[in-house]
C-alpha atoms as a PDB file:
ATOM      1  CA  MET A   1       3.201-184.205 181.661  1.00  0.00           C
ATOM      2  CA  THR A   2       1.515-180.905 182.439  1.00  0.00           C
ATOM      3  CA  ASP A   3       1.352-179.913 178.775  1.00  0.00           C
ATOM      4  CA  GLN A   4      -0.200-183.242 177.820  1.00  0.00           C
ATOM      5  CA  ALA A   5      -2.873-183.105 180.542  1.00  0.00           C
ATOM      6  CA  ALA A   6      -3.840-179.480 179.858  1.00  0.00           C
ATOM      7  CA  PRO A   7      -6.350-180.126 177.014  1.00  0.00           C
ATOM      8  CA  ALA A   8      -8.571-182.313 179.260  1.00  0.00           C
ATOM      9  CA  PRO A   9     -10.454-179.452 181.008  1.00  0.00           C
ATOM     10  CA  SER A  10     -10.944-177.725 177.675  1.00  0.00           C
ATOM     11  CA  ILE A  11     -12.464-180.866 176.141  1.00  0.00           C
ATOM     12  CA  ARG A  12     -14.750-181.267 179.139  1.00  0.00           C
ATOM     13  CA  GLU A  13     -15.898-177.651 178.940  1.00  0.00           C
ATOM     14  CA  ASP A  14     -16.580-177.985 175.218  1.00  0.00           C
ATOM     15  CA  TYR A  15     -18.589-181.149 175.828  1.00  0.00           C
ATOM     16  CA  LEU A  16     -20.651-179.497 178.575  1.00  0.00           C
ATOM     17  CA  ALA A  17     -21.246-176.474 176.343  1.00  0.00           C
ATOM     18  CA  LEU A  18     -22.505-178.709 173.531  1.00  0.00           C
ATOM     19  CA  THR A  19     -24.742-180.569 175.981  1.00  0.00           C
ATOM     20  CA  ARG A  20     -26.234-177.306 177.277  1.00  0.00           C
ATOM     21  CA  ALA A  21     -26.783-176.070 173.733  1.00  0.00           C
ATOM     22  CA  LYS A  22     -28.514-179.323 172.801  1.00  0.00           C
ATOM     23  CA  ARG A  23     -30.802-179.093 175.804  1.00  0.00           C
ATOM     24  CA  THR A  24     -31.616-175.476 174.975  1.00  0.00           C
ATOM     25  CA  TYR A  25     -32.496-176.349 171.379  1.00  0.00           C
ATOM     26  CA  SER A  26     -34.628-179.280 172.554  1.00  0.00           C
ATOM     27  CA  ALA A  27     -36.483-177.054 175.021  1.00  0.00           C
ATOM     28  CA  VAL A  28     -37.133-174.418 172.355  1.00  0.00           C
ATOM     29  CA  LEU A  29     -38.424-177.036 169.914  1.00  0.00           C
ATOM     30  CA  LEU A  30     -40.654-178.530 172.615  1.00  0.00           C
ATOM     31  CA  VAL A  31     -42.145-175.132 173.462  1.00  0.00           C
ATOM     32  CA  LEU A  32     -42.656-174.412 169.752  1.00  0.00           C
ATOM     33  CA  PHE A  33     -44.365-177.766 169.268  1.00  0.00           C
ATOM     34  CA  PHE A  34     -46.807-177.189 172.113  1.00  0.00           C
ATOM     35  CA  ALA A  35     -47.488-173.642 170.912  1.00  0.00           C
ATOM     36  CA  LEU A  36     -48.319-174.919 167.420  1.00  0.00           C
ATOM     37  CA  PHE A  37     -50.425-177.734 168.878  1.00  0.00           C
ATOM     38  CA  ILE A  38     -52.457-175.404 171.103  1.00  0.00           C
ATOM     39  CA  GLY A  39     -52.824-172.821 168.333  1.00  0.00           C
ATOM     40  CA  GLY A  40     -53.972-175.430 165.822  1.00  0.00           C
ATOM     41  CA  PHE A  41     -56.436-176.907 168.298  1.00  0.00           C
ATOM     42  CA  MET A  42     -57.944-173.508 169.063  1.00  0.00           C
ATOM     43  CA  VAL A  43     -58.355-172.714 165.354  1.00  0.00           C
ATOM     44  CA  ALA A  44     -59.961-176.100 164.691  1.00  0.00           C
ATOM     45  CA  ASP A  45     -62.269-175.735 167.698  1.00  0.00           C
ATOM     46  CA  ASP A  46     -63.391-172.264 166.586  1.00  0.00           C
ATOM     47  CA  ARG A  47     -64.234-173.535 163.103  1.00  0.00           C
ATOM     48  CA  ASN A  48     -65.984-176.644 164.384  1.00  0.00           C
ATOM     49  CA  ALA A  49     -69.770-176.551 164.209  1.00  0.00           C
ATOM     50  CA  GLY A  50     -70.380-177.578 167.798  1.00  0.00           C
ATOM     51  CA  GLY A  51     -67.165-177.004 169.678  1.00  0.00           C
ATOM     52  CA  PHE A  52     -64.958-179.609 171.304  1.00  0.00           C
ATOM     53  CA  TRP A  53     -65.593-178.773 174.943  1.00  0.00           C
ATOM     54  CA  ASN A  54     -69.351-178.373 174.497  1.00  0.00           C
ATOM     55  CA  GLY A  55     -69.641-181.800 172.889  1.00  0.00           C
ATOM     56  CA  LEU A  56     -67.139-183.612 175.106  1.00  0.00           C
ATOM     57  CA  ASN A  57     -69.878-184.872 177.436  1.00  0.00           C
ATOM     58  CA  GLN A  58     -71.622-186.496 174.441  1.00  0.00           C
ATOM     59  CA  VAL A  59     -68.620-188.422 173.148  1.00  0.00           C
ATOM     60  CA  PHE A  60     -69.955-191.739 174.439  1.00  0.00           C
ATOM     61  CA  ASP A  61     -73.582-191.214 173.364  1.00  0.00           C
ATOM     62  CA  PHE A  62     -73.220-192.849 169.942  1.00  0.00           C
ATOM     63  CA  PRO A  63     -71.324-195.957 171.187  1.00  0.00           C
ATOM     64  CA  ALA A  64     -73.903-196.317 173.961  1.00  0.00           C
ATOM     65  CA  ASP A  65     -76.782-196.156 171.466  1.00  0.00           C
ATOM     66  CA  VAL A  66     -75.136-198.741 169.210  1.00  0.00           C
ATOM     67  CA  LEU A  67     -74.382-201.061 172.124  1.00  0.00           C
ATOM     68  CA  SER A  68     -77.827-200.795 173.672  1.00  0.00           C
ATOM     69  CA  GLU A  69     -79.576-201.496 170.369  1.00  0.00           C
ATOM     70  CA  ALA A  70     -77.214-204.382 169.612  1.00  0.00           C
ATOM     71  CA  VAL A  71     -78.029-205.934 173.000  1.00  0.00           C
ATOM     72  CA  GLU A  72     -81.733-205.348 172.481  1.00  0.00           C
ATOM     73  CA  LYS A  73     -81.654-207.070 169.071  1.00  0.00           C
ATOM     74  CA  ALA A  74     -78.976-209.642 169.895  1.00  0.00           C
ATOM     75  CA  HIS A  75     -81.044-212.404 168.315  1.00  0.00           C
ATOM     76  CA  GLU A  76     -80.697-210.681 164.925  1.00  0.00           C
ATOM     77  CA  LEU A  77     -76.884-210.302 165.032  1.00  0.00           C
ATOM     78  CA  PRO A  78     -76.061-213.743 163.528  1.00  0.00           C
ATOM     79  CA  GLY A  79     -78.253-212.951 160.536  1.00  0.00           C
ATOM     80  CA  HIS A  80     -76.579-209.562 160.106  1.00  0.00           C
ATOM     81  CA  LEU A  81     -73.131-211.152 160.299  1.00  0.00           C
ATOM     82  CA  LEU A  82     -74.019-213.588 157.519  1.00  0.00           C
ATOM     83  CA  ARG A  83     -75.592-210.792 155.488  1.00  0.00           C
ATOM     84  CA  PHE A  84     -72.523-208.548 155.632  1.00  0.00           C
ATOM     85  CA  PHE A  85     -69.950-211.338 155.281  1.00  0.00           C
ATOM     86  CA  PRO A  86     -69.828-211.075 151.421  1.00  0.00           C
ATOM     87  CA  ALA A  87     -69.073-207.352 151.757  1.00  0.00           C
ATOM     88  CA  LEU A  88     -66.253-208.229 154.152  1.00  0.00           C
ATOM     89  CA  ILE A  89     -64.840-210.677 151.600  1.00  0.00           C
ATOM     90  CA  GLU A  90     -65.001-207.904 149.003  1.00  0.00           C
ATOM     91  CA  THR A  91     -63.035-205.613 151.319  1.00  0.00           C
ATOM     92  CA  ILE A  92     -60.378-208.285 151.873  1.00  0.00           C
ATOM     93  CA  ASN A  93     -60.202-208.943 148.123  1.00  0.00           C
ATOM     94  CA  ILE A  94     -59.688-205.235 147.427  1.00  0.00           C
ATOM     95  CA  ALA A  95     -56.884-205.090 149.988  1.00  0.00           C
ATOM     96  CA  GLY A  96     -55.288-208.315 148.731  1.00  0.00           C
ATOM     97  CA  ALA A  97     -55.339-207.324 145.065  1.00  0.00           C
ATOM     98  CA  ALA A  98     -54.033-203.839 145.857  1.00  0.00           C
ATOM     99  CA  THR A  99     -51.227-205.265 147.988  1.00  0.00           C
ATOM    100  CA  LEU A 100     -50.244-207.805 145.329  1.00  0.00           C
ATOM    101  CA  PHE A 101     -50.149-205.356 142.416  1.00  0.00           C
ATOM    102  CA  GLY A 102     -48.552-202.646 144.526  1.00  0.00           C
ATOM    103  CA  ALA A 103     -45.848-204.987 145.835  1.00  0.00           C
ATOM    104  CA  ILE A 104     -44.952-206.241 142.346  1.00  0.00           C
ATOM    105  CA  ILE A 105     -44.476-202.705 141.029  1.00  0.00           C
ATOM    106  CA  ALA A 106     -42.679-201.692 144.235  1.00  0.00           C
ATOM    107  CA  VAL A 107     -40.128-204.483 143.750  1.00  0.00           C
ATOM    108  CA  PHE A 108     -39.242-203.122 140.316  1.00  0.00           C
ATOM    109  CA  LEU A 109     -39.075-199.524 141.569  1.00  0.00           C
ATOM    110  CA  SER A 110     -36.885-200.558 144.482  1.00  0.00           C
ATOM    111  CA  PHE A 111     -34.316-202.063 142.130  1.00  0.00           C
ATOM    112  CA  VAL A 112     -34.221-199.102 139.754  1.00  0.00           C
ATOM    113  CA  SER A 113     -34.008-196.577 142.621  1.00  0.00           C
ATOM    114  CA  THR A 114     -31.249-198.234 144.672  1.00  0.00           C
ATOM    115  CA  ARG A 115     -27.673-197.084 144.308  1.00  0.00           C
ATOM    116  CA  GLY A 116     -25.420-199.878 143.107  1.00  0.00           C
ATOM    117  CA  LEU A 117     -28.321-201.839 141.624  1.00  0.00           C
ATOM    118  CA  ALA A 118     -30.092-199.386 139.306  1.00  0.00           C
ATOM    119  CA  LYS A 119     -29.722-200.000 135.592  1.00  0.00           C
ATOM    120  CA  TYR A 120     -29.855-196.260 134.911  1.00  0.00           C
ATOM    121  CA  PRO A 121     -28.309-194.450 137.918  1.00  0.00           C
ATOM    122  CA  ALA A 122     -29.114-191.031 136.458  1.00  0.00           C
ATOM    123  CA  LEU A 123     -32.854-191.813 136.776  1.00  0.00           C
ATOM    124  CA  ILE A 124     -32.696-192.757 140.474  1.00  0.00           C
ATOM    125  CA  PRO A 125     -33.984-189.312 141.635  1.00  0.00           C
ATOM    126  CA  VAL A 126     -36.874-189.558 139.166  1.00  0.00           C
ATOM    127  CA  PHE A 127     -38.019-192.930 140.494  1.00  0.00           C
ATOM    128  CA  ARG A 128     -37.594-191.836 144.112  1.00  0.00           C
ATOM    129  CA  ARG A 129     -39.611-188.646 143.622  1.00  0.00           C
ATOM    130  CA  THR A 130     -42.296-190.710 141.904  1.00  0.00           C
ATOM    131  CA  MET A 131     -42.559-192.935 144.969  1.00  0.00           C
ATOM    132  CA  ASP A 132     -42.621-189.852 147.215  1.00  0.00           C
ATOM    133  CA  ILE A 133     -45.573-188.437 145.265  1.00  0.00           C
ATOM    134  CA  LEU A 134     -47.500-191.721 145.374  1.00  0.00           C
ATOM    135  CA  ARG A 135     -46.847-192.030 149.085  1.00  0.00           C
ATOM    136  CA  ALA A 136     -47.787-188.422 149.846  1.00  0.00           C
ATOM    137  CA  ILE A 137     -51.250-188.463 148.243  1.00  0.00           C
ATOM    138  CA  PRO A 138     -53.843-190.119 150.561  1.00  0.00           C
ATOM    139  CA  GLU A 139     -55.762-193.087 149.201  1.00  0.00           C
ATOM    140  CA  ILE A 140     -59.078-191.337 149.719  1.00  0.00           C
ATOM    141  CA  VAL A 141     -58.056-188.453 147.439  1.00  0.00           C
ATOM    142  CA  ILE A 142     -57.050-190.832 144.643  1.00  0.00           C
ATOM    143  CA  ALA A 143     -60.226-192.874 145.181  1.00  0.00           C
ATOM    144  CA  LEU A 144     -62.473-189.795 144.945  1.00  0.00           C
ATOM    145  CA  ILE A 145     -60.855-188.803 141.642  1.00  0.00           C
ATOM    146  CA  LEU A 146     -61.189-192.331 140.250  1.00  0.00           C
ATOM    147  CA  ILE A 147     -64.797-192.651 141.436  1.00  0.00           C
ATOM    148  CA  PHE A 148     -65.598-189.412 139.618  1.00  0.00           C
ATOM    149  CA  VAL A 149     -64.028-190.823 136.434  1.00  0.00           C
ATOM    150  CA  MET A 150     -64.960-194.516 136.670  1.00  0.00           C
ATOM    151  CA  GLY A 151     -67.970-194.528 138.972  1.00  0.00           C
ATOM    152  CA  GLY A 152     -68.367-196.200 142.333  1.00  0.00           C
ATOM    153  CA  GLY A 153     -67.231-199.739 143.021  1.00  0.00           C
ATOM    154  CA  PRO A 154     -64.272-201.812 144.178  1.00  0.00           C
ATOM    155  CA  VAL A 155     -62.023-201.108 141.168  1.00  0.00           C
ATOM    156  CA  PRO A 156     -61.319-197.428 142.015  1.00  0.00           C
ATOM    157  CA  ALA A 157     -60.597-198.430 145.618  1.00  0.00           C
ATOM    158  CA  MET A 158     -58.189-201.160 144.512  1.00  0.00           C
ATOM    159  CA  ILE A 159     -56.314-198.817 142.173  1.00  0.00           C
ATOM    160  CA  ALA A 160     -56.116-196.049 144.799  1.00  0.00           C
ATOM    161  CA  ILE A 161     -54.765-198.381 147.485  1.00  0.00           C
ATOM    162  CA  ALA A 162     -52.365-200.035 145.028  1.00  0.00           C
ATOM    163  CA  LEU A 163     -50.865-196.682 144.010  1.00  0.00           C
ATOM    164  CA  HIS A 164     -50.302-195.686 147.626  1.00  0.00           C
ATOM    165  CA  THR A 165     -48.867-199.143 148.319  1.00  0.00           C
ATOM    166  CA  VAL A 166     -46.353-198.697 145.483  1.00  0.00           C
ATOM    167  CA  GLY A 167     -45.011-195.539 147.107  1.00  0.00           C
ATOM    168  CA  ALA A 168     -44.891-196.966 150.621  1.00  0.00           C
ATOM    169  CA  LEU A 169     -43.453-200.409 149.826  1.00  0.00           C
ATOM    170  CA  GLY A 170     -41.109-199.035 147.154  1.00  0.00           C
ATOM    171  CA  LYS A 171     -39.423-196.880 149.790  1.00  0.00           C
ATOM    172  CA  LEU A 172     -39.128-199.759 152.273  1.00  0.00           C
ATOM    173  CA  PHE A 173     -37.963-202.243 149.637  1.00  0.00           C
ATOM    174  CA  SER A 174     -35.316-199.809 148.410  1.00  0.00           C
ATOM    175  CA  GLU A 175     -33.892-199.418 151.922  1.00  0.00           C
ATOM    176  CA  VAL A 176     -33.709-203.198 152.258  1.00  0.00           C
ATOM    177  CA  SER A 177     -32.032-203.571 148.847  1.00  0.00           C
ATOM    178  CA  GLU A 178     -29.317-201.087 149.820  1.00  0.00           C
ATOM    179  CA  ASN A 179     -28.051-203.617 152.382  1.00  0.00           C
ATOM    180  CA  ALA A 180     -27.896-206.515 149.904  1.00  0.00           C
ATOM    181  CA  ASP A 181     -24.530-208.180 149.274  1.00  0.00           C
ATOM    182  CA  LEU A 182     -23.265-207.205 145.807  1.00  0.00           C
ATOM    183  CA  LYS A 183     -20.899-210.147 145.392  1.00  0.00           C
ATOM    184  CA  PRO A 184     -23.548-212.448 143.843  1.00  0.00           C
ATOM    185  CA  VAL A 185     -24.537-209.609 141.507  1.00  0.00           C
ATOM    186  CA  GLU A 186     -20.922-209.109 140.425  1.00  0.00           C
ATOM    187  CA  GLY A 187     -20.498-212.842 139.909  1.00  0.00           C
ATOM    188  CA  LEU A 188     -23.577-213.026 137.692  1.00  0.00           C
ATOM    189  CA  GLN A 189     -22.416-209.988 135.754  1.00  0.00           C
ATOM    190  CA  SER A 190     -19.023-211.603 135.130  1.00  0.00           C
ATOM    191  CA  VAL A 191     -20.706-214.562 133.388  1.00  0.00           C
ATOM    192  CA  GLY A 192     -22.843-212.328 131.174  1.00  0.00           C
ATOM    193  CA  ALA A 193     -26.159-212.248 133.065  1.00  0.00           C
ATOM    194  CA  SER A 194     -28.569-209.477 132.140  1.00  0.00           C
ATOM    195  CA  TRP A 195     -29.626-206.791 134.608  1.00  0.00           C
ATOM    196  CA  LEU A 196     -32.988-208.494 135.222  1.00  0.00           C
ATOM    197  CA  GLN A 197     -31.286-211.843 135.827  1.00  0.00           C
ATOM    198  CA  ARG A 198     -28.880-210.227 138.288  1.00  0.00           C
ATOM    199  CA  MET A 199     -31.788-208.716 140.216  1.00  0.00           C
ATOM    200  CA  LEU A 200     -33.887-211.895 140.256  1.00  0.00           C
ATOM    201  CA  LEU A 201     -31.060-214.332 141.020  1.00  0.00           C
ATOM    202  CA  GLY A 202     -28.541-212.215 142.892  1.00  0.00           C
ATOM    203  CA  VAL A 203     -30.593-209.741 144.935  1.00  0.00           C
ATOM    204  CA  LEU A 204     -34.144-211.031 145.313  1.00  0.00           C
ATOM    205  CA  PRO A 205     -33.233-214.251 147.215  1.00  0.00           C
ATOM    206  CA  GLN A 206     -31.388-212.131 149.799  1.00  0.00           C
ATOM    207  CA  VAL A 207     -34.175-209.615 150.402  1.00  0.00           C
ATOM    208  CA  ALA A 208     -37.263-211.798 149.852  1.00  0.00           C
ATOM    209  CA  PRO A 209     -37.946-212.479 153.581  1.00  0.00           C
ATOM    210  CA  ASN A 210     -37.899-208.760 154.401  1.00  0.00           C
ATOM    211  CA  TYR A 211     -39.961-207.959 151.321  1.00  0.00           C
ATOM    212  CA  LEU A 212     -42.616-210.486 152.354  1.00  0.00           C
ATOM    213  CA  SER A 213     -42.627-209.194 155.914  1.00  0.00           C
ATOM    214  CA  TYR A 214     -43.251-205.623 154.790  1.00  0.00           C
ATOM    215  CA  ALA A 215     -45.887-206.770 152.276  1.00  0.00           C
ATOM    216  CA  LEU A 216     -47.817-208.610 155.008  1.00  0.00           C
ATOM    217  CA  LEU A 217     -47.688-205.551 157.234  1.00  0.00           C
ATOM    218  CA  ARG A 218     -48.963-203.441 154.364  1.00  0.00           C
ATOM    219  CA  PHE A 219     -51.795-205.917 153.781  1.00  0.00           C
ATOM    220  CA  GLU A 220     -53.057-205.210 157.306  1.00  0.00           C
ATOM    221  CA  ILE A 221     -52.982-201.471 156.630  1.00  0.00           C
ATOM    222  CA  ASN A 222     -54.745-201.902 153.290  1.00  0.00           C
ATOM    223  CA  ILE A 223     -57.657-203.773 154.885  1.00  0.00           C
ATOM    224  CA  ARG A 224     -58.319-200.759 157.087  1.00  0.00           C
ATOM    225  CA  ALA A 225     -57.906-198.402 154.127  1.00  0.00           C
ATOM    226  CA  SER A 226     -60.311-200.487 152.037  1.00  0.00           C
ATOM    227  CA  ALA A 227     -62.942-200.304 154.779  1.00  0.00           C
ATOM    228  CA  ILE A 228     -62.529-196.535 155.051  1.00  0.00           C
ATOM    229  CA  LEU A 229     -62.848-196.035 151.292  1.00  0.00           C
ATOM    230  CA  GLY A 230     -66.213-197.751 151.434  1.00  0.00           C
ATOM    231  CA  PHE A 231     -67.558-194.574 153.041  1.00  0.00           C
ATOM    232  CA  VAL A 232     -66.990-192.671 149.779  1.00  0.00           C
ATOM    233  CA  GLY A 233     -68.734-195.248 147.602  1.00  0.00           C
ATOM    234  CA  ALA A 234     -65.879-197.649 146.894  1.00  0.00           C
ATOM    235  CA  GLY A 235     -67.822-200.728 147.980  1.00  0.00           C
ATOM    236  CA  GLY A 236     -67.027-203.340 150.584  1.00  0.00           C
ATOM    237  CA  ILE A 237     -67.842-203.436 154.259  1.00  0.00           C
ATOM    238  CA  GLY A 238     -67.298-199.694 154.662  1.00  0.00           C
ATOM    239  CA  TYR A 239     -70.180-198.973 152.286  1.00  0.00           C
ATOM    240  CA  GLU A 240     -72.504-201.162 154.368  1.00  0.00           C
ATOM    241  CA  LEU A 241     -71.339-199.446 157.551  1.00  0.00           C
ATOM    242  CA  ARG A 242     -72.063-196.013 156.093  1.00  0.00           C
ATOM    243  CA  ASN A 243     -75.571-197.078 155.100  1.00  0.00           C
ATOM    244  CA  ALA A 244     -76.283-198.545 158.527  1.00  0.00           C
ATOM    245  CA  MET A 245     -75.035-195.432 160.325  1.00  0.00           C
ATOM    246  CA  SER A 246     -76.813-193.000 158.000  1.00  0.00           C
ATOM    247  CA  TRP A 247     -80.206-194.502 158.863  1.00  0.00           C
ATOM    248  CA  GLY A 248     -79.588-193.712 162.520  1.00  0.00           C
ATOM    249  CA  GLN A 249     -81.672-195.119 165.346  1.00  0.00           C
ATOM    250  CA  GLY A 250     -83.260-198.428 164.419  1.00  0.00           C
ATOM    251  CA  ARG A 251     -80.348-199.666 162.280  1.00  0.00           C
ATOM    252  CA  PHE A 252     -77.585-199.423 164.861  1.00  0.00           C
ATOM    253  CA  ASP A 253     -77.686-203.200 165.356  1.00  0.00           C
ATOM    254  CA  GLU A 254     -76.500-203.549 161.746  1.00  0.00           C
ATOM    255  CA  ALA A 255     -73.682-201.095 162.443  1.00  0.00           C
ATOM    256  CA  ALA A 256     -72.719-203.190 165.475  1.00  0.00           C
ATOM    257  CA  ALA A 257     -72.568-206.312 163.283  1.00  0.00           C
ATOM    258  CA  VAL A 258     -70.259-204.532 160.833  1.00  0.00           C
ATOM    259  CA  PHE A 259     -68.045-203.353 163.711  1.00  0.00           C
ATOM    260  CA  ILE A 260     -67.811-206.925 165.012  1.00  0.00           C
ATOM    261  CA  LEU A 261     -66.835-208.273 161.574  1.00  0.00           C
ATOM    262  CA  LEU A 262     -64.192-205.592 161.107  1.00  0.00           C
ATOM    263  CA  PHE A 263     -62.778-206.146 164.586  1.00  0.00           C
ATOM    264  CA  LEU A 264     -62.548-209.916 164.188  1.00  0.00           C
ATOM    265  CA  THR A 265     -61.022-209.610 160.720  1.00  0.00           C
ATOM    266  CA  ILE A 266     -58.341-207.150 161.798  1.00  0.00           C
ATOM    267  CA  VAL A 267     -57.471-209.299 164.832  1.00  0.00           C
ATOM    268  CA  VAL A 268     -57.210-212.490 162.748  1.00  0.00           C
ATOM    269  CA  VAL A 269     -55.169-210.830 159.992  1.00  0.00           C
ATOM    270  CA  ASP A 270     -52.928-209.100 162.526  1.00  0.00           C
ATOM    271  CA  GLN A 271     -52.203-212.324 164.411  1.00  0.00           C
ATOM    272  CA  THR A 272     -51.700-214.390 161.254  1.00  0.00           C
ATOM    273  CA  SER A 273     -49.431-211.899 159.516  1.00  0.00           C
ATOM    274  CA  GLY A 274     -47.527-211.301 162.760  1.00  0.00           C
ATOM    275  CA  HIS A 275     -46.897-215.050 163.060  1.00  0.00           C
ATOM    276  CA  LEU A 276     -45.752-215.260 159.434  1.00  0.00           C
ATOM    277  CA  ARG A 277     -43.478-212.213 159.822  1.00  0.00           C
ATOM    278  CA  ASP A 278     -41.952-213.763 162.939  1.00  0.00           C
ATOM    279  CA  ARG A 279     -41.209-216.992 161.075  1.00  0.00           C
ATOM    280  CA  LEU A 280     -39.697-215.072 158.167  1.00  0.00           C
ATOM    281  CA  ALA A 281     -37.536-212.992 160.507  1.00  0.00           C
ATOM    282  CA  ARG A 282     -36.199-216.143 162.178  1.00  0.00           C
ATOM    283  CA  GLY A 283     -35.487-217.815 158.845  1.00  0.00           C
END
């Protein structure tokens, strides 16, 4: 009895030692994080033209100017909303087209980069690194390169967002596909189905709800990205917002109208896609 009970204190001591070591490592990492954060902030503040602390008291000046001018010219807001509505539709179209094309390519990449499903398993690392590269490069960098080559407009923005969407959705789709049941795939293979038929008939019906849910979430993100790219000449509502803000005082009511359109659009899209994702998740 004594020999059997002897290991218990040793196990407890080992567990407490591991717990103390984990806490020590966590504390060191936390201190390192705050040191890097403070150091990075100080470097950024030194290189900033005005300085963070000197301009902190002016942080609300621009919103106050926009709000006061919007209130002063409230009677003109409906006209501005109608004027900028086509640009908003262009922004939504850019995001929708980019999401659609990106999701279609991401579906293919998810199949060829998933273990157990890939037609050429040796090429799985190649496809995964490709998605990593597309996901790592910001949309604005791709858009600036394409605008330099193709000129300004919605097409460079759509391509830039679509490429980033391929990398992001391809990763998510691949993780979903890894949990798919392989029995339907094996059954289709036993009757001579091709690889594409096995993917479309054996895997896609299982993962389609999750795929659609992720695609809707990405559509929300792409609307914001499309608006941001407008600042670099990619068209849409962001381009109109840049013009309104660049004129400064006297055109802030137009900027307020653009802000209102963007806010309402993001709220509507967020609520609609959230409702659709909830229905998909519940079957």
